[in-house]
């Protein structure tokens, strides 16, 4: 009798020790960055020196990032010791950035509206692209209600 119980219990013990592992694959939104060098001759003007601009081809800035993500632009005037986020006003000069599908532009002009000179040394532009999931997929969520947002996006 003991042998029969032992034989019946053996498969239960063997199979109960097996562990099923589940691997979950999730989309992870990412950020990408690149540093561009702006040489003094790269700045162009179309209004007799009242403003200057430069444009960068950024093929990674696709329609998905354009529609749902973000583009951040920073400038460094000292060889990357520090970067300033745009838009920015420095010494009476305004710096801004625009972007579209495949490009980022940086512009500068004087607050006074007077003509200015473009930078006479290299300027570094750090461009950061942030991929993101469209929030409109959760139209029923009140984004001003922290508890609803935490439940909807499984934030703990």
Protein backbone atom coordinates (compact mmCIF):
# COMPACT_ATOMS: atom_id res chain seq x y z
CA UNK A 1 0.00 0.00 0.00
CA UNK A 2 2.83 2.38 0.88
CA UNK A 3 4.49 1.60 -2.45
CA UNK A 4 1.25 2.40 -4.34
CA UNK A 5 0.85 5.76 -2.58
CA UNK A 6 4.50 6.55 -3.24
CA UNK A 7 4.14 5.71 -6.95
CA UNK A 8 1.01 7.86 -7.22
CA UNK A 9 2.61 10.75 -5.35
CA UNK A 10 5.81 10.72 -7.42
CA UNK A 11 4.29 12.29 -10.60
CA UNK A 12 2.57 14.95 -8.49
CA UNK A 13 5.85 15.88 -6.85
CA UNK A 14 7.72 15.85 -10.17
CA UNK A 15 5.26 18.06 -12.03
CA UNK A 16 4.57 20.42 -9.16
CA UNK A 17 8.23 21.39 -9.10
CA UNK A 18 8.14 22.53 -12.75
CA UNK A 19 8.01 26.29 -13.08
CA UNK A 20 6.58 28.05 -16.09
CA UNK A 21 8.36 31.30 -16.88
CA UNK A 22 6.58 34.00 -18.85
CA UNK A 23 8.50 36.64 -20.72
CA UNK A 24 6.60 39.84 -21.35
CA UNK A 25 7.58 41.99 -24.31
CA UNK A 26 6.72 45.65 -23.91
CA UNK A 27 7.31 48.65 -26.12
CA UNK A 28 9.75 51.05 -24.53
CA UNK A 29 9.68 54.66 -25.63
CA UNK A 30 13.18 56.00 -26.16
CA UNK A 31 15.15 59.20 -26.50
CA UNK A 32 17.86 59.83 -29.08
CA UNK A 33 20.36 62.69 -29.31
CA UNK A 34 23.03 64.08 -31.59
CA UNK A 35 25.37 67.05 -31.46
CA UNK A 36 25.75 69.28 -34.52
CA UNK A 37 28.48 71.86 -35.07
CA UNK A 38 27.39 75.29 -36.33
CA UNK A 39 30.31 77.09 -37.97
CA UNK A 40 30.25 80.91 -38.27
CA UNK A 41 29.52 80.70 -42.02
CA UNK A 42 26.52 78.40 -41.53
CA UNK A 43 24.21 81.16 -40.25
CA UNK A 44 22.00 82.71 -42.95
CA UNK A 45 19.86 85.85 -42.97
CA UNK A 46 16.98 86.93 -45.17
CA UNK A 47 16.27 90.31 -43.53
CA UNK A 48 19.58 92.21 -43.74
CA UNK A 49 20.97 90.86 -40.49
CA UNK A 50 17.97 91.38 -38.19
CA UNK A 51 17.79 87.62 -37.67
CA UNK A 52 19.86 84.57 -38.51
CA UNK A 53 19.03 80.91 -38.78
CA UNK A 54 20.56 77.54 -39.46
CA UNK A 55 18.84 74.28 -40.34
CA UNK A 56 19.85 70.67 -39.72
CA UNK A 57 18.75 67.60 -41.64
CA UNK A 58 17.52 65.17 -39.00
CA UNK A 59 16.09 62.18 -40.89
CA UNK A 60 15.39 60.38 -37.59
CA UNK A 61 12.76 63.05 -36.86
CA UNK A 62 9.97 61.16 -38.56
CA UNK A 63 6.24 61.76 -38.54
CA UNK A 64 5.74 59.48 -35.52
CA UNK A 65 8.07 61.56 -33.33
CA UNK A 66 6.74 64.78 -34.89
CA UNK A 67 3.12 63.88 -34.07
CA UNK A 68 3.53 62.14 -30.70
CA UNK A 69 7.03 62.74 -29.35
CA UNK A 70 9.12 65.76 -28.51
CA UNK A 71 12.14 67.61 -29.86
CA UNK A 72 14.45 69.44 -27.46
CA UNK A 73 17.24 71.74 -28.64
CA UNK A 74 20.18 73.03 -26.61
CA UNK A 75 23.04 75.35 -27.61
CA UNK A 76 26.57 75.50 -26.26
CA UNK A 77 28.74 78.53 -26.95
CA UNK A 78 31.75 77.24 -25.02
CA UNK A 79 32.57 73.87 -26.58
CA UNK A 80 30.08 71.82 -24.51
CA UNK A 81 31.05 72.88 -20.98
CA UNK A 82 27.35 73.65 -20.60
CA UNK A 83 24.24 73.73 -22.79
CA UNK A 84 21.36 76.21 -22.71
CA UNK A 85 17.84 74.96 -23.47
CA UNK A 86 15.92 76.81 -26.19
CA UNK A 87 14.08 79.10 -26.24
CA UNK A 88 16.53 81.38 -24.47
CA UNK A 89 17.36 85.08 -24.17
CA UNK A 90 21.03 85.89 -23.61
CA UNK A 91 22.60 89.38 -23.75
CA UNK A 92 19.54 90.81 -25.53
CA UNK A 93 19.52 88.07 -28.21
CA UNK A 94 16.64 85.60 -28.47
CA UNK A 95 17.35 82.05 -29.57
CA UNK A 96 14.59 79.71 -30.66
CA UNK A 97 14.06 76.41 -32.43
CA UNK A 98 11.53 75.04 -34.85
CA UNK A 99 11.17 71.54 -36.22
CA UNK A 100 9.30 69.56 -38.80
CA UNK A 101 9.40 66.17 -40.44
CA UNK A 102 13.13 65.55 -41.02
CA UNK A 103 14.61 68.90 -39.93
CA UNK A 104 15.37 71.15 -36.96
CA UNK A 105 16.02 74.88 -37.29
CA UNK A 106 17.64 77.30 -34.86
CA UNK A 107 17.12 81.05 -35.14
CA UNK A 108 18.38 84.15 -33.38
CA UNK A 109 17.42 87.83 -33.34
CA UNK A 110 17.83 90.93 -31.18
CA UNK A 111 15.08 91.82 -28.72
CA UNK A 112 15.43 95.42 -29.93
CA UNK A 113 14.79 94.45 -33.56
CA UNK A 114 18.16 95.91 -34.59
CA UNK A 115 20.58 94.16 -36.90
CA UNK A 116 22.98 91.74 -35.21
CA UNK A 117 26.07 89.76 -36.11
CA UNK A 118 25.96 85.97 -36.04
CA UNK A 119 28.32 84.13 -33.66
CA UNK A 120 31.93 84.32 -34.86
CA UNK A 121 32.95 81.02 -33.29
CA UNK A 122 31.61 77.48 -33.41
CA UNK A 123 28.36 76.79 -31.60
CA UNK A 124 27.25 73.27 -30.70
CA UNK A 125 23.60 72.29 -31.03
CA UNK A 126 22.40 69.24 -29.10
CA UNK A 127 19.16 67.88 -30.54
CA UNK A 128 17.20 65.35 -28.48
CA UNK A 129 14.36 63.36 -30.01
CA UNK A 130 11.93 61.70 -27.63
CA UNK A 131 9.70 58.92 -28.89
CA UNK A 132 6.38 58.71 -27.06
CA UNK A 133 3.05 56.93 -27.00
CA UNK A 134 0.08 59.03 -28.00
CA UNK A 135 -2.03 59.94 -24.96
CA UNK A 136 -5.13 60.31 -27.12
CA UNK A 137 -5.41 56.51 -26.98
CA UNK A 138 -6.75 57.07 -23.45
CA UNK A 139 -9.42 59.69 -24.18
CA UNK A 140 -11.52 58.54 -21.23
CA UNK A 141 -8.79 59.44 -18.71
CA UNK A 142 -8.85 62.74 -16.87
CA UNK A 143 -5.16 63.65 -17.06
CA UNK A 144 -5.67 66.04 -14.13
CA UNK A 145 -6.64 63.11 -11.88
CA UNK A 146 -3.43 61.47 -10.68
CA UNK A 147 -5.17 58.28 -9.52
CA UNK A 148 -6.81 57.75 -12.94
CA UNK A 149 -3.48 58.28 -14.71
CA UNK A 150 -1.68 55.88 -12.37
CA UNK A 151 -4.31 53.16 -12.93
CA UNK A 152 -4.43 53.65 -16.71
CA UNK A 153 -0.66 53.50 -17.18
CA UNK A 154 -0.02 50.97 -14.40
CA UNK A 155 2.15 53.37 -12.41
CA UNK A 156 3.01 52.22 -8.89
